[in-house]
PDB file of N, CA and C in Angstrom:
ATOM      1  N   UNK A   1      77.254 -47.767  58.291  1.00  0.00           N
ATOM      2  CA  UNK A   1      76.334 -48.314  57.382  1.00  0.00           C
ATOM      3  C   UNK A   1      75.280 -49.021  58.074  1.00  0.00           C
ATOM      4  N   UNK A   2      74.058 -48.733  57.657  1.00  0.00           N
ATOM      5  CA  UNK A   2      72.747 -49.321  58.190  1.00  0.00           C
ATOM      6  C   UNK A   2      72.488 -50.576  57.582  1.00  0.00           C
ATOM      7  N   UNK A   3      71.736 -51.346  58.419  1.00  0.00           N
ATOM      8  CA  UNK A   3      71.245 -52.609  57.955  1.00  0.00           C
ATOM      9  C   UNK A   3      70.224 -52.430  56.833  1.00  0.00           C
ATOM     10  N   UNK A   4      70.259 -53.328  55.772  1.00  0.00           N
ATOM     11  CA  UNK A   4      69.214 -53.235  54.795  1.00  0.00           C
ATOM     12  C   UNK A   4      67.860 -53.482  55.247  1.00  0.00           C
ATOM     13  N   UNK A   5      66.815 -52.716  54.784  1.00  0.00           N
ATOM     14  CA  UNK A   5      65.471 -53.066  55.121  1.00  0.00           C
ATOM     15  C   UNK A   5      65.126 -54.503  54.876  1.00  0.00           C
ATOM     16  N   UNK A   6      64.234 -55.115  55.660  1.00  0.00           N
ATOM     17  CA  UNK A   6      63.767 -56.467  55.395  1.00  0.00           C
ATOM     18  C   UNK A   6      63.031 -56.438  54.101  1.00  0.00           C
ATOM     19  N   UNK A   7      62.974 -57.590  53.411  1.00  0.00           N
ATOM     20  CA  UNK A   7      62.126 -57.674  52.255  1.00  0.00           C
ATOM     21  C   UNK A   7      60.711 -57.506  52.510  1.00  0.00           C
ATOM     22  N   UNK A   8      60.053 -56.612  51.771  1.00  0.00           N
ATOM     23  CA  UNK A   8      58.605 -56.432  52.061  1.00  0.00           C
ATOM     24  C   UNK A   8      57.822 -57.719  51.602  1.00  0.00           C
ATOM     25  N   UNK A   9      56.719 -57.811  52.277  1.00  0.00           N
ATOM     26  CA  UNK A   9      55.845 -59.029  51.874  1.00  0.00           C
ATOM     27  C   UNK A   9      55.410 -58.732  50.370  1.00  0.00           C
ATOM     28  N   UNK A  10      55.243 -59.867  49.673  1.00  0.00           N
ATOM     29  CA  UNK A  10      54.935 -59.659  48.232  1.00  0.00           C
ATOM     30  C   UNK A  10      53.506 -58.962  48.044  1.00  0.00           C
ATOM     31  N   UNK A  11      52.651 -59.161  49.095  1.00  0.00           N
ATOM     32  CA  UNK A  11      51.281 -58.387  48.988  1.00  0.00           C
ATOM     33  C   UNK A  11      50.805 -58.277  50.391  1.00  0.00           C
ATOM     34  N   UNK A  12      49.839 -57.408  50.486  1.00  0.00           N
ATOM     35  CA  UNK A  12      49.254 -57.180  51.845  1.00  0.00           C
ATOM     36  C   UNK A  12      48.187 -58.312  52.112  1.00  0.00           C
ATOM     37  N   UNK A  13      48.478 -59.194  53.107  1.00  0.00           N
ATOM     38  CA  UNK A  13      47.603 -60.317  53.373  1.00  0.00           C
ATOM     39  C   UNK A  13      46.410 -59.840  54.178  1.00  0.00           C
ATOM     40  N   UNK A  14      46.291 -58.580  54.399  1.00  0.00           N
ATOM     41  CA  UNK A  14      44.949 -58.190  54.940  1.00  0.00           C
ATOM     42  C   UNK A  14      43.953 -58.130  53.941  1.00  0.00           C
ATOM     43  N   UNK A  15      44.346 -58.122  52.726  1.00  0.00           N
ATOM     44  CA  UNK A  15      43.313 -57.996  51.635  1.00  0.00           C
ATOM     45  C   UNK A  15      42.728 -59.498  51.268  1.00  0.00           C
ATOM     46  N   UNK A  16      41.431 -59.595  51.267  1.00  0.00           N
ATOM     47  CA  UNK A  16      40.871 -60.891  51.085  1.00  0.00           C
ATOM     48  C   UNK A  16      41.225 -61.478  49.655  1.00  0.00           C
ATOM     49  N   UNK A  17      41.323 -60.568  48.695  1.00  0.00           N
ATOM     50  CA  UNK A  17      41.655 -61.044  47.391  1.00  0.00           C
ATOM     51  C   UNK A  17      43.179 -61.661  47.392  1.00  0.00           C
ATOM     52  N   UNK A  18      44.064 -60.981  48.009  1.00  0.00           N
ATOM     53  CA  UNK A  18      45.456 -61.455  48.149  1.00  0.00           C
ATOM     54  C   UNK A  18      45.470 -62.778  48.883  1.00  0.00           C
ATOM     55  N   UNK A  19      44.647 -63.062  49.880  1.00  0.00           N
ATOM     56  CA  UNK A  19      44.656 -64.253  50.620  1.00  0.00           C
ATOM     57  C   UNK A  19      44.073 -65.396  49.686  1.00  0.00           C
ATOM     58  N   UNK A  20      42.996 -65.085  48.963  1.00  0.00           N
ATOM     59  CA  UNK A  20      42.452 -65.989  47.994  1.00  0.00           C
ATOM     60  C   UNK A  20      43.417 -66.498  47.071  1.00  0.00           C
ATOM     61  N   UNK A  21      44.142 -65.467  46.378  1.00  0.00           N
ATOM     62  CA  UNK A  21      45.027 -65.735  45.321  1.00  0.00           C
ATOM     63  C   UNK A  21      46.295 -66.504  45.937  1.00  0.00           C
ATOM     64  N   UNK A  22      46.545 -66.325  47.138  1.00  0.00           N
ATOM     65  CA  UNK A  22      47.673 -67.030  47.829  1.00  0.00           C
ATOM     66  C   UNK A  22      47.441 -68.462  47.762  1.00  0.00           C
ATOM     67  N   UNK A  23      46.022 -68.919  47.859  1.00  0.00           N
ATOM     68  CA  UNK A  23      45.690 -70.328  47.865  1.00  0.00           C
ATOM     69  C   UNK A  23      45.375 -70.881  46.492  1.00  0.00           C
ATOM     70  N   UNK A  24      44.633 -70.135  45.637  1.00  0.00           N
ATOM     71  CA  UNK A  24      44.166 -70.632  44.360  1.00  0.00           C
ATOM     72  C   UNK A  24      44.715 -69.879  43.114  1.00  0.00           C
ATOM     73  N   UNK A  25      45.635 -69.017  43.255  1.00  0.00           N
ATOM     74  CA  UNK A  25      46.079 -68.084  42.220  1.00  0.00           C
ATOM     75  C   UNK A  25      47.008 -68.687  41.197  1.00  0.00           C
ATOM     76  N   UNK A  26      47.383 -69.871  41.384  1.00  0.00           N
ATOM     77  CA  UNK A  26      48.286 -70.481  40.363  1.00  0.00           C
ATOM     78  C   UNK A  26      47.520 -71.159  39.257  1.00  0.00           C
ATOM     79  N   UNK A  27      48.092 -71.033  38.057  1.00  0.00           N
ATOM     80  CA  UNK A  27      47.367 -71.561  36.777  1.00  0.00           C
ATOM     81  C   UNK A  27      46.807 -73.029  37.086  1.00  0.00           C
ATOM     82  N   UNK A  28      47.784 -73.892  37.467  1.00  0.00           N
ATOM     83  CA  UNK A  28      47.421 -75.351  37.642  1.00  0.00           C
ATOM     84  C   UNK A  28      46.308 -75.492  38.694  1.00  0.00           C
ATOM     85  N   UNK A  29      46.312 -74.727  39.705  1.00  0.00           N
ATOM     86  CA  UNK A  29      45.363 -74.909  40.839  1.00  0.00           C
ATOM     87  C   UNK A  29      44.049 -74.466  40.263  1.00  0.00           C
ATOM     88  N   UNK A  30      43.882 -73.516  39.638  1.00  0.00           N
ATOM     89  CA  UNK A  30      42.607 -73.056  38.952  1.00  0.00           C
ATOM     90  C   UNK A  30      42.111 -74.220  37.997  1.00  0.00           C
ATOM     91  N   UNK A  31      43.031 -74.832  37.142  1.00  0.00           N
ATOM     92  CA  UNK A  31      42.664 -75.749  36.215  1.00  0.00           C
ATOM     93  C   UNK A  31      42.160 -77.074  37.057  1.00  0.00           C
ATOM     94  N   UNK A  32      42.920 -77.418  38.030  1.00  0.00           N
ATOM     95  CA  UNK A  32      42.339 -78.578  38.870  1.00  0.00           C
ATOM     96  C   UNK A  32      40.999 -78.262  39.369  1.00  0.00           C
ATOM     97  N   UNK A  33      40.731 -77.064  39.998  1.00  0.00           N
ATOM     98  CA  UNK A  33      39.424 -76.741  40.433  1.00  0.00           C
ATOM     99  C   UNK A  33      38.439 -76.864  39.289  1.00  0.00           C
ATOM    100  N   UNK A  34      38.820 -76.350  38.047  1.00  0.00           N
ATOM    101  CA  UNK A  34      37.905 -76.499  36.855  1.00  0.00           C
ATOM    102  C   UNK A  34      37.520 -77.856  36.600  1.00  0.00           C
ATOM    103  N   UNK A  35      38.503 -78.828  36.660  1.00  0.00           N
ATOM    104  CA  UNK A  35      38.162 -80.230  36.400  1.00  0.00           C
ATOM    105  C   UNK A  35      37.258 -80.798  37.430  1.00  0.00           C
ATOM    106  N   UNK A  36      37.398 -80.443  38.820  1.00  0.00           N
ATOM    107  CA  UNK A  36      36.467 -80.816  39.839  1.00  0.00           C
ATOM    108  C   UNK A  36      35.153 -80.331  39.682  1.00  0.00           C
ATOM    109  N   UNK A  37      34.989 -79.074  39.289  1.00  0.00           N
ATOM    110  CA  UNK A  37      33.638 -78.455  39.092  1.00  0.00           C
ATOM    111  C   UNK A  37      32.972 -79.100  37.951  1.00  0.00           C
ATOM    112  N   UNK A  38      33.648 -79.248  36.825  1.00  0.00           N
ATOM    113  CA  UNK A  38      32.992 -79.688  35.530  1.00  0.00           C
ATOM    114  C   UNK A  38      32.758 -81.264  35.647  1.00  0.00           C
ATOM    115  N   UNK A  39      33.748 -82.024  36.213  1.00  0.00           N
ATOM    116  CA  UNK A  39      33.575 -83.439  36.152  1.00  0.00           C
ATOM    117  C   UNK A  39      33.340 -84.115  37.458  1.00  0.00           C
ATOM    118  N   UNK A  40      33.277 -83.529  38.508  1.00  0.00           N
ATOM    119  CA  UNK A  40      33.131 -84.234  39.858  1.00  0.00           C
ATOM    120  C   UNK A  40      34.330 -84.737  40.279  1.00  0.00           C
ATOM    121  N   UNK A  41      34.244 -85.899  41.029  1.00  0.00           N
ATOM    122  CA  UNK A  41      35.414 -86.601  41.692  1.00  0.00           C
ATOM    123  C   UNK A  41      36.365 -87.012  40.637  1.00  0.00           C
ATOM    124  N   UNK A  42      37.594 -86.821  40.926  1.00  0.00           N
ATOM    125  CA  UNK A  42      38.723 -87.140  39.929  1.00  0.00           C
ATOM    126  C   UNK A  42      39.823 -87.886  40.729  1.00  0.00           C
ATOM    127  N   UNK A  43      40.473 -88.767  40.058  1.00  0.00           N
ATOM    128  CA  UNK A  43      41.652 -89.488  40.462  1.00  0.00           C
ATOM    129  C   UNK A  43      42.854 -88.795  39.915  1.00  0.00           C
ATOM    130  N   UNK A  44      43.960 -89.044  40.578  1.00  0.00           N
ATOM    131  CA  UNK A  44      45.216 -88.453  40.298  1.00  0.00           C
ATOM    132  C   UNK A  44      45.490 -88.518  38.633  1.00  0.00           C
ATOM    133  N   UNK A  45      45.389 -89.725  38.166  1.00  0.00           N
ATOM    134  CA  UNK A  45      45.565 -90.042  36.733  1.00  0.00           C
ATOM    135  C   UNK A  45      44.626 -89.254  35.797  1.00  0.00           C
ATOM    136  N   UNK A  46      43.393 -88.927  36.320  1.00  0.00           N
ATOM    137  CA  UNK A  46      42.400 -88.133  35.620  1.00  0.00           C
ATOM    138  C   UNK A  46      43.010 -86.717  35.331  1.00  0.00           C
ATOM    139  N   UNK A  47      43.560 -86.158  36.386  1.00  0.00           N
ATOM    140  CA  UNK A  47      44.229 -84.866  36.317  1.00  0.00           C
ATOM    141  C   UNK A  47      45.332 -84.799  35.425  1.00  0.00           C
ATOM    142  N   UNK A  48      46.147 -85.893  35.463  1.00  0.00           N
ATOM    143  CA  UNK A  48      47.308 -85.990  34.547  1.00  0.00           C
ATOM    144  C   UNK A  48      46.918 -86.000  33.110  1.00  0.00           C
ATOM    145  N   UNK A  49      45.925 -86.767  32.824  1.00  0.00           N
ATOM    146  CA  UNK A  49      45.367 -86.731  31.483  1.00  0.00           C
ATOM    147  C   UNK A  49      44.860 -85.435  31.004  1.00  0.00           C
ATOM    148  N   UNK A  50      44.188 -84.750  31.855  1.00  0.00           N
ATOM    149  CA  UNK A  50      43.418 -83.504  31.539  1.00  0.00           C
ATOM    150  C   UNK A  50      44.473 -82.384  31.503  1.00  0.00           C
ATOM    151  N   UNK A  51      45.351 -82.336  32.416  1.00  0.00           N
ATOM    152  CA  UNK A  51      46.245 -81.168  32.490  1.00  0.00           C
ATOM    153  C   UNK A  51      47.570 -81.420  31.881  1.00  0.00           C
ATOM    154  N   UNK A  52      47.531 -81.322  30.450  1.00  0.00           N
ATOM    155  CA  UNK A  52      48.741 -81.643  29.644  1.00  0.00           C
ATOM    156  C   UNK A  52      49.866 -80.707  30.094  1.00  0.00           C
ATOM    157  N   UNK A  53      51.057 -81.352  30.395  1.00  0.00           N
ATOM    158  CA  UNK A  53      52.162 -80.577  30.846  1.00  0.00           C
ATOM    159  C   UNK A  53      52.473 -80.498  32.293  1.00  0.00           C
ATOM    160  N   UNK A  54      51.564 -80.754  33.074  1.00  0.00           N
ATOM    161  CA  UNK A  54      51.777 -80.654  34.565  1.00  0.00           C
ATOM    162  C   UNK A  54      52.651 -81.840  34.981  1.00  0.00           C
ATOM    163  N   UNK A  55      53.623 -81.637  35.844  1.00  0.00           N
ATOM    164  CA  UNK A  55      54.454 -82.655  36.344  1.00  0.00           C
ATOM    165  C   UNK A  55      53.690 -83.319  37.518  1.00  0.00           C
ATOM    166  N   UNK A  56      54.019 -84.619  37.723  1.00  0.00           N
ATOM    167  CA  UNK A  56      53.351 -85.316  38.833  1.00  0.00           C
ATOM    168  C   UNK A  56      53.653 -84.588  40.269  1.00  0.00           C
ATOM    169  N   UNK A  57      54.914 -84.064  40.368  1.00  0.00           N
ATOM    170  CA  UNK A  57      55.182 -83.352  41.634  1.00  0.00           C
ATOM    171  C   UNK A  57      54.443 -82.084  41.738  1.00  0.00           C
ATOM    172  N   UNK A  58      54.271 -81.446  40.675  1.00  0.00           N
ATOM    173  CA  UNK A  58      53.410 -80.099  40.831  1.00  0.00           C
ATOM    174  C   UNK A  58      52.030 -80.464  41.034  1.00  0.00           C
ATOM    175  N   UNK A  59      51.488 -81.425  40.448  1.00  0.00           N
ATOM    176  CA  UNK A  59      49.977 -81.914  40.686  1.00  0.00           C
ATOM    177  C   UNK A  59      49.920 -82.325  42.124  1.00  0.00           C
ATOM    178  N   UNK A  60      50.802 -83.021  42.600  1.00  0.00           N
ATOM    179  CA  UNK A  60      50.716 -83.529  44.051  1.00  0.00           C
ATOM    180  C   UNK A  60      50.810 -82.356  44.975  1.00  0.00           C
ATOM    181  N   UNK A  61      51.734 -81.486  44.655  1.00  0.00           N
ATOM    182  CA  UNK A  61      51.725 -80.180  45.590  1.00  0.00           C
ATOM    183  C   UNK A  61      50.562 -79.360  45.576  1.00  0.00           C
ATOM    184  N   UNK A  62      49.949 -79.156  44.320  1.00  0.00           N
ATOM    185  CA  UNK A  62      48.758 -78.348  44.276  1.00  0.00           C
ATOM    186  C   UNK A  62      47.491 -79.060  44.977  1.00  0.00           C
ATOM    187  N   UNK A  63      47.422 -80.344  44.729  1.00  0.00           N
ATOM    188  CA  UNK A  63      46.309 -81.101  45.460  1.00  0.00           C
ATOM    189  C   UNK A  63      46.550 -80.967  46.941  1.00  0.00           C
ATOM    190  N   UNK A  64      47.716 -81.133  47.465  1.00  0.00           N
ATOM    191  CA  UNK A  64      48.015 -81.096  48.775  1.00  0.00           C
ATOM    192  C   UNK A  64      47.611 -79.757  49.448  1.00  0.00           C
ATOM    193  N   UNK A  65      47.949 -78.612  48.657  1.00  0.00           N
ATOM    194  CA  UNK A  65      47.748 -77.223  49.061  1.00  0.00           C
ATOM    195  C   UNK A  65      46.190 -77.132  49.274  1.00  0.00           C
ATOM    196  N   UNK A  66      45.471 -77.564  48.154  1.00  0.00           N
ATOM    197  CA  UNK A  66      44.026 -77.361  48.178  1.00  0.00           C
ATOM    198  C   UNK A  66      43.348 -78.200  49.388  1.00  0.00           C
ATOM    199  N   UNK A  67      44.009 -79.362  49.618  1.00  0.00           N
ATOM    200  CA  UNK A  67      43.519 -80.241  50.643  1.00  0.00           C
ATOM    201  C   UNK A  67      43.703 -79.598  52.052  1.00  0.00           C
ATOM    202  N   UNK A  68      44.935 -79.034  52.301  1.00  0.00           N
ATOM    203  CA  UNK A  68      45.282 -78.298  53.468  1.00  0.00           C
ATOM    204  C   UNK A  68      44.363 -77.139  53.694  1.00  0.00           C
ATOM    205  N   UNK A  69      43.918 -76.421  52.634  1.00  0.00           N
ATOM    206  CA  UNK A  69      43.119 -75.330  52.758  1.00  0.00           C
ATOM    207  C   UNK A  69      41.648 -75.603  52.931  1.00  0.00           C
ATOM    208  N   UNK A  70      41.331 -76.938  52.891  1.00  0.00           N
ATOM    209  CA  UNK A  70      39.942 -77.387  53.055  1.00  0.00           C
ATOM    210  C   UNK A  70      39.033 -77.157  51.862  1.00  0.00           C
ATOM    211  N   UNK A  71      39.704 -77.048  50.644  1.00  0.00           N
ATOM    212  CA  UNK A  71      38.905 -76.898  49.420  1.00  0.00           C
ATOM    213  C   UNK A  71      38.791 -78.213  48.719  1.00  0.00           C
ATOM    214  N   UNK A  72      39.509 -79.105  48.883  1.00  0.00           N
ATOM    215  CA  UNK A  72      39.537 -80.327  48.292  1.00  0.00           C
ATOM    216  C   UNK A  72      39.685 -81.423  49.428  1.00  0.00           C
ATOM    217  N   UNK A  73      38.928 -82.518  49.221  1.00  0.00           N
ATOM    218  CA  UNK A  73      39.037 -83.613  50.126  1.00  0.00           C
ATOM    219  C   UNK A  73      39.538 -84.901  49.356  1.00  0.00           C
ATOM    220  N   UNK A  74      40.438 -85.621  49.931  1.00  0.00           N
ATOM    221  CA  UNK A  74      40.824 -86.943  49.318  1.00  0.00           C
ATOM    222  C   UNK A  74      40.111 -88.024  49.926  1.00  0.00           C
ATOM    223  N   UNK A  75      39.564 -88.807  49.265  1.00  0.00           N
ATOM    224  CA  UNK A  75      38.723 -89.873  49.660  1.00  0.00           C
ATOM    225  C   UNK A  75      39.215 -91.263  49.140  1.00  0.00           C
ATOM    226  N   UNK A  76      39.475 -92.140  50.077  1.00  0.00           N
ATOM    227  CA  UNK A  76      40.053 -93.464  49.670  1.00  0.00           C
ATOM    228  C   UNK A  76      38.836 -94.360  49.319  1.00  0.00           C
ATOM    229  N   UNK A  77      38.929 -95.015  48.114  1.00  0.00           N
ATOM    230  CA  UNK A  77      37.855 -95.834  47.706  1.00  0.00           C
ATOM    231  C   UNK A  77      38.275 -97.294  47.557  1.00  0.00           C
ATOM    232  N   UNK A  78      39.483 -97.618  47.841  1.00  0.00           N
ATOM    233  CA  UNK A  78      40.095 -99.039  47.728  1.00  0.00           C
ATOM    234  C   UNK A  78      41.113 -99.179  48.754  1.00  0.00           C
ATOM    235  N   UNK A  79      41.139-100.315  49.439  1.00  0.00           N
ATOM    236  CA  UNK A  79      42.196-100.540  50.501  1.00  0.00           C
ATOM    237  C   UNK A  79      43.428-101.044  49.920  1.00  0.00           C
ATOM    238  N   UNK A  80      43.440-102.053  49.104  1.00  0.00           N
ATOM    239  CA  UNK A  80      44.727-102.645  48.802  1.00  0.00           C
ATOM    240  C   UNK A  80      44.864-102.795  47.125  1.00  0.00           C
ATOM    241  N   UNK A  81      45.611-102.144  46.452  1.00  0.00           N
ATOM    242  CA  UNK A  81      46.430-100.918  47.008  1.00  0.00           C
ATOM    243  C   UNK A  81      45.527 -99.753  47.300  1.00  0.00           C
ATOM    244  N   UNK A  82      46.053 -98.954  48.186  1.00  0.00           N
ATOM    245  CA  UNK A  82      45.115 -97.761  48.537  1.00  0.00           C
ATOM    246  C   UNK A  82      44.966 -96.862  47.360  1.00  0.00           C
ATOM    247  N   UNK A  83      43.733 -96.517  46.963  1.00  0.00           N
ATOM    248  CA  UNK A  83      43.579 -95.634  45.842  1.00  0.00           C
ATOM    249  C   UNK A  83      42.492 -94.455  46.415  1.00  0.00           C
ATOM    250  N   UNK A  84      42.824 -93.238  45.842  1.00  0.00           N
ATOM    251  CA  UNK A  84      42.122 -92.111  46.306  1.00  0.00           C
ATOM    252  C   UNK A  84      41.524 -91.315  45.063  1.00  0.00           C
ATOM    253  N   UNK A  85      40.474 -90.538  45.455  1.00  0.00           N
ATOM    254  CA  UNK A  85      39.891 -89.686  44.442  1.00  0.00           C
ATOM    255  C   UNK A  85      39.638 -88.312  45.207  1.00  0.00           C
ATOM    256  N   UNK A  86      39.697 -87.299  44.410  1.00  0.00           N
ATOM    257  CA  UNK A  86      39.599 -85.987  45.024  1.00  0.00           C
ATOM    258  C   UNK A  86      38.304 -85.346  44.724  1.00  0.00           C
ATOM    259  N   UNK A  87      37.631 -84.741  45.670  1.00  0.00           N
ATOM    260  CA  UNK A  87      36.354 -84.032  45.599  1.00  0.00           C
ATOM    261  C   UNK A  87      36.442 -82.668  46.148  1.00  0.00           C
ATOM    262  N   UNK A  88      35.489 -81.803  45.664  1.00  0.00           N
ATOM    263  CA  UNK A  88      35.403 -80.546  46.265  1.00  0.00           C
ATOM    264  C   UNK A  88      34.635 -80.605  47.676  1.00  0.00           C
ATOM    265  N   UNK A  89      35.128 -79.809  48.595  1.00  0.00           N
ATOM    266  CA  UNK A  89      34.367 -79.787  49.946  1.00  0.00           C
ATOM    267  C   UNK A  89      33.296 -78.674  49.745  1.00  0.00           C
ATOM    268  N   UNK A  90      32.608 -78.468  50.771  1.00  0.00           N
ATOM    269  CA  UNK A  90      31.555 -77.330  50.645  1.00  0.00           C
ATOM    270  C   UNK A  90      32.230 -76.065  50.449  1.00  0.00           C
ATOM    271  N   UNK A  91      33.354 -75.868  51.085  1.00  0.00           N
ATOM    272  CA  UNK A  91      34.266 -74.629  50.915  1.00  0.00           C
ATOM    273  C   UNK A  91      34.672 -74.462  49.413  1.00  0.00           C
ATOM    274  N   UNK A  92      35.047 -75.634  48.778  1.00  0.00           N
ATOM    275  CA  UNK A  92      35.508 -75.655  47.394  1.00  0.00           C
ATOM    276  C   UNK A  92      34.333 -75.444  46.453  1.00  0.00           C
ATOM    277  N   UNK A  93      33.112 -75.980  46.839  1.00  0.00           N
ATOM    278  CA  UNK A  93      32.003 -75.721  45.991  1.00  0.00           C
ATOM    279  C   UNK A  93      31.637 -74.190  45.969  1.00  0.00           C
ATOM    280  N   UNK A  94      31.997 -73.527  46.945  1.00  0.00           N
ATOM    281  CA  UNK A  94      31.807 -72.010  46.949  1.00  0.00           C
ATOM    282  C   UNK A  94      32.535 -71.313  45.875  1.00  0.00           C
ATOM    283  N   UNK A  95      33.569 -71.981  45.366  1.00  0.00           N
ATOM    284  CA  UNK A  95      34.411 -71.291  44.294  1.00  0.00           C
ATOM    285  C   UNK A  95      33.748 -71.486  42.884  1.00  0.00           C
ATOM    286  N   UNK A  96      32.624 -72.324  42.766  1.00  0.00           N
ATOM    287  CA  UNK A  96      32.073 -72.435  41.492  1.00  0.00           C
ATOM    288  C   UNK A  96      31.676 -71.135  40.812  1.00  0.00           C
ATOM    289  N   UNK A  97      31.160 -70.111  41.594  1.00  0.00           N
ATOM    290  CA  UNK A  97      30.839 -68.822  40.984  1.00  0.00           C
ATOM    291  C   UNK A  97      32.008 -68.141  40.454  1.00  0.00           C
ATOM    292  N   UNK A  98      33.109 -68.263  41.201  1.00  0.00           N
ATOM    293  CA  UNK A  98      34.369 -67.623  40.812  1.00  0.00           C
ATOM    294  C   UNK A  98      34.901 -68.243  39.462  1.00  0.00           C
ATOM    295  N   UNK A  99      34.823 -69.537  39.329  1.00  0.00           N
ATOM    296  CA  UNK A  99      35.263 -70.186  38.062  1.00  0.00           C
ATOM    297  C   UNK A  99      34.278 -69.824  36.930  1.00  0.00           C
ATOM    298  N   UNK A 100      32.993 -69.739  37.224  1.00  0.00           N
ATOM    299  CA  UNK A 100      31.991 -69.226  36.263  1.00  0.00           C
ATOM    300  C   UNK A 100      32.324 -67.851  35.649  1.00  0.00           C
ATOM    301  N   UNK A 101      32.655 -67.000  36.589  1.00  0.00           N
ATOM    302  CA  UNK A 101      33.102 -65.697  36.264  1.00  0.00           C
ATOM    303  C   UNK A 101      34.208 -65.637  35.417  1.00  0.00           C
ATOM    304  N   UNK A 102      35.380 -66.463  35.696  1.00  0.00           N
ATOM    305  CA  UNK A 102      36.509 -66.601  34.816  1.00  0.00           C
ATOM    306  C   UNK A 102      36.061 -67.202  33.397  1.00  0.00           C
ATOM    307  N   UNK A 103      35.310 -68.044  33.402  1.00  0.00           N
ATOM    308  CA  UNK A 103      34.676 -68.680  32.182  1.00  0.00           C
ATOM    309  C   UNK A 103      34.137 -67.621  31.325  1.00  0.00           C
ATOM    310  N   UNK A 104      33.139 -66.882  31.820  1.00  0.00           N
ATOM    311  CA  UNK A 104      32.482 -65.849  31.214  1.00  0.00           C
ATOM    312  C   UNK A 104      33.328 -64.813  30.618  1.00  0.00           C
ATOM    313  N   UNK A 105      34.292 -64.342  31.570  1.00  0.00           N
ATOM    314  CA  UNK A 105      35.200 -63.280  31.107  1.00  0.00           C
ATOM    315  C   UNK A 105      35.989 -63.845  29.878  1.00  0.00           C
ATOM    316  N   UNK A 106      36.557 -65.001  30.045  1.00  0.00           N
ATOM    317  CA  UNK A 106      37.360 -65.614  29.038  1.00  0.00           C
ATOM    318  C   UNK A 106      36.585 -65.738  27.702  1.00  0.00           C
ATOM    319  N   UNK A 107      35.330 -66.117  27.746  1.00  0.00           N
ATOM    320  CA  UNK A 107      34.556 -66.252  26.525  1.00  0.00           C
ATOM    321  C   UNK A 107      34.351 -64.863  25.839  1.00  0.00           C
ATOM    322  N   UNK A 108      34.261 -63.778  26.513  1.00  0.00           N
ATOM    323  CA  UNK A 108      33.992 -62.501  26.047  1.00  0.00           C
ATOM    324  C   UNK A 108      35.206 -61.748  25.695  1.00  0.00           C
ATOM    325  N   UNK A 109      36.328 -61.971  26.418  1.00  0.00           N
ATOM    326  CA  UNK A 109      37.534 -61.161  26.148  1.00  0.00           C
ATOM    327  C   UNK A 109      38.807 -61.930  25.641  1.00  0.00           C
ATOM    328  N   UNK A 110      38.662 -63.163  25.424  1.00  0.00           N
ATOM    329  CA  UNK A 110      39.846 -63.840  24.839  1.00  0.00           C
ATOM    330  C   UNK A 110      39.475 -64.615  23.621  1.00  0.00           C
ATOM    331  N   UNK A 111      40.478 -64.971  22.958  1.00  0.00           N
ATOM    332  CA  UNK A 111      40.162 -65.714  21.642  1.00  0.00           C
ATOM    333  C   UNK A 111      41.210 -66.897  21.536  1.00  0.00           C
ATOM    334  N   UNK A 112      40.761 -68.055  21.183  1.00  0.00           N
ATOM    335  CA  UNK A 112      41.579 -69.288  21.025  1.00  0.00           C
ATOM    336  C   UNK A 112      42.315 -69.029  19.710  1.00  0.00           C
ATOM    337  N   UNK A 113      43.541 -69.171  19.768  1.00  0.00           N
ATOM    338  CA  UNK A 113      44.463 -69.095  18.567  1.00  0.00           C
ATOM    339  C   UNK A 113      45.114 -70.390  18.266  1.00  0.00           C
ATOM    340  N   UNK A 114      45.038 -70.919  17.095  1.00  0.00           N
ATOM    341  CA  UNK A 114      45.724 -72.113  16.705  1.00  0.00           C
ATOM    342  C   UNK A 114      47.010 -71.688  16.054  1.00  0.00           C
ATOM    343  N   UNK A 115      48.009 -72.511  16.114  1.00  0.00           N
ATOM    344  CA  UNK A 115      49.361 -72.264  15.406  1.00  0.00           C
ATOM    345  C   UNK A 115      49.223 -73.083  14.146  1.00  0.00           C
ATOM    346  N   UNK A 116      49.394 -72.406  13.039  1.00  0.00           N
ATOM    347  CA  UNK A 116      49.451 -73.093  11.762  1.00  0.00           C
ATOM    348  C   UNK A 116      51.010 -73.456  11.437  1.00  0.00           C
ATOM    349  N   UNK A 117      51.102 -74.650  11.034  1.00  0.00           N
ATOM    350  CA  UNK A 117      52.426 -75.182  10.733  1.00  0.00           C
ATOM    351  C   UNK A 117      52.798 -75.425   9.345  1.00  0.00           C
TER     352      UNK A 117
END
């Protein structure tokens, strides 16, 4: 009996789109970026208010991933207790056109549906 083949990679990381989605392709991550593009610097609590349903752990993980990728910078604005806000870096600002394209596509091809009770 032969050894099973190793699991294939979920996508070909030679592809620039795959690499980009690996960093920003999750729903909450895109919405964090939206908030930063639309409103500028944001505190953790600002994201919690805006992103209804996100857990603090998920928010923290997504912000850390964006920070590690150089897309978001955490700036401290108070010493005691330490308080931080998040801002887009130059690299993050380059995503504005991507978010604009998603906004435009959504306006043209999706429709908001309310649930009647």
